[in-house]
Amino acid sequence: MKLPTPVETYINAINAGDAAALQSSFANDALVKDVGREFRGTAAIKDWAAREIFAVKVTLDVIAAVEREGQTIVTVKIDGTFDRTGLPDPLLMDHYFTVAGEKIATLSCRLADEVPE
């Protein structure tokens, strides 16, 4: 499927190590929920991304994408230099995006329930 522009920007920005482009994909009051933690607003999201994406050179390989109930759900294989202790291999996560006004309004990240076929 064709990803919404801000979702595509988010993924490409992570893979390119481009913090400014990632930041530009979010609405000012966006909410990120990442494995049980919440980050609201662009300043908090910028700090989260610097620490947990760019500092450990995360890359995302899109495995699948679907639209469901107003959300774009993207399953990605994640790589990087982070500590993998206790994590599945490969590390697959579902990213649930809600887009409003050409920006990401919410993003929820969690381990993928199953490997997409």
Protein backbone atom coordinates (compact mmCIF):
# COMPACT_ATOMS: atom_id res chain seq x y z
CA MET A 1 0.00 0.00 0.00
CA LYS A 2 1.01 3.60 -0.49
CA LEU A 3 1.92 5.07 2.89
CA PRO A 4 0.58 8.49 3.91
CA THR A 5 3.21 11.18 3.30
CA PRO A 6 4.04 11.88 6.98
CA VAL A 7 4.43 8.14 7.68
CA GLU A 8 6.73 7.78 4.69
CA THR A 9 8.68 10.84 5.90
CA TYR A 10 9.01 9.30 9.40
CA ILE A 11 10.40 6.00 8.06
CA ASN A 12 12.73 7.63 5.53
CA ALA A 13 14.00 10.10 8.16
CA ILE A 14 14.90 7.28 10.55
CA ASN A 15 16.70 5.34 7.83
CA ALA A 16 18.60 8.48 6.74
CA GLY A 17 19.44 9.57 10.30
CA ASP A 18 17.62 12.86 9.64
CA ALA A 19 16.26 14.20 12.95
CA ALA A 20 14.83 17.38 11.41
CA ALA A 21 12.82 15.43 8.82
CA LEU A 22 11.49 13.10 11.52
CA GLN A 23 10.45 16.09 13.62
CA SER A 24 8.67 17.64 10.65
CA SER A 25 6.40 14.59 10.30
CA PHE A 26 4.72 15.17 13.70
CA ALA A 27 1.97 17.61 14.70
CA ASN A 28 2.95 20.05 17.48
CA ASP A 29 0.80 18.23 20.06
CA ALA A 30 1.47 14.69 18.78
CA LEU A 31 1.57 11.74 21.14
CA VAL A 32 4.03 8.85 20.89
CA LYS A 33 3.42 5.68 22.90
CA ASP A 34 6.51 3.49 22.80
CA VAL A 35 6.31 0.18 24.65
CA GLY A 36 4.33 1.54 27.59
CA ARG A 37 5.86 5.03 27.78
CA GLU A 38 4.31 8.27 26.49
CA PHE A 39 5.92 11.31 24.89
CA ARG A 40 3.69 14.30 24.08
CA GLY A 41 4.63 17.30 21.98
CA THR A 42 7.47 17.87 19.58
CA ALA A 43 10.09 18.65 22.26
CA ALA A 44 9.48 15.35 24.07
CA ILE A 45 9.34 13.45 20.78
CA LYS A 46 12.60 15.05 19.66
CA ASP A 47 14.31 13.92 22.89
CA TRP A 48 12.84 10.41 22.58
CA ALA A 49 14.01 10.09 18.96
CA ALA A 50 17.50 11.43 19.71
CA ARG A 51 17.97 8.93 22.52
CA GLU A 52 16.17 5.86 21.26
CA ILE A 53 16.41 6.09 17.48
CA PHE A 54 19.31 8.21 16.31
CA ALA A 55 21.81 7.50 19.14
CA VAL A 56 21.55 3.75 18.43
CA LYS A 57 21.38 4.05 14.63
CA VAL A 58 17.95 2.44 14.25
CA THR A 59 16.86 1.42 10.76
CA LEU A 60 13.41 0.28 9.72
CA ASP A 61 12.65 -2.27 7.01
CA VAL A 62 8.93 -2.18 6.14
CA ILE A 63 7.51 -5.71 6.12
CA ALA A 64 3.79 -4.91 5.77
CA ALA A 65 1.35 -2.01 5.90
CA VAL A 66 -2.44 -1.91 6.21
CA GLU A 67 -5.17 0.65 6.82
CA ARG A 68 -7.56 -0.26 9.63
CA GLU A 69 -10.12 1.86 11.47
CA GLY A 70 -8.52 5.17 10.53
CA GLN A 71 -4.98 4.07 11.33
CA THR A 72 -2.05 3.09 9.19
CA ILE A 73 -0.39 0.04 10.74
CA VAL A 74 3.17 -0.56 9.57
CA THR A 75 5.08 -3.68 10.59
CA VAL A 76 8.82 -3.11 10.49
CA LYS A 77 11.95 -5.14 11.09
CA ILE A 78 14.19 -3.04 13.32
CA ASP A 79 17.97 -3.04 13.32
CA GLY A 80 20.55 -0.85 15.02
CA THR A 81 23.27 -0.80 17.67
CA PHE A 82 20.90 -1.04 20.69
CA ASP A 83 21.05 -3.72 23.41
CA ARG A 84 19.15 -6.76 22.14
CA THR A 85 19.03 -8.59 25.46
CA GLY A 86 15.64 -10.26 25.84
CA LEU A 87 14.39 -9.07 22.44
CA PRO A 88 13.12 -11.42 19.73
CA ASP A 89 15.27 -12.00 16.66
CA PRO A 90 14.27 -10.69 14.22
CA LEU A 91 12.83 -7.69 16.08
CA LEU A 92 9.46 -6.92 14.48
CA MET A 93 7.35 -4.05 15.71
CA ASP A 94 3.96 -2.69 14.73
CA HIS A 95 3.74 1.09 14.39
CA TYR A 96 0.16 2.40 14.60
CA PHE A 97 -0.07 5.86 13.01
CA THR A 98 -2.99 8.29 13.10
CA VAL A 99 -2.53 11.12 10.62
CA ALA A 100 -4.42 14.42 10.81
CA GLY A 101 -3.80 17.47 8.67
CA GLU A 102 -0.79 15.94 6.90
CA LYS A 103 1.04 15.31 10.20
CA ILE A 104 1.34 12.34 12.54
CA ALA A 105 -1.08 12.97 15.43
CA THR A 106 -0.43 9.71 17.28
CA LEU A 107 2.09 6.90 17.01
CA SER A 108 1.92 3.75 19.09
CA CYS A 109 4.78 1.23 18.88
CA ARG A 110 4.71 -2.33 20.17
CA LEU A 111 6.13 -5.74 19.44
CA ALA A 112 4.42 -7.39 16.47
CA ASP A 113 1.94 -10.03 17.54
CA GLU A 114 2.99 -12.34 14.75
CA VAL A 115 5.25 -12.47 11.75
CA PRO A 116 3.29 -11.27 8.68
CA GLU A 117 3.18 -13.76 5.84
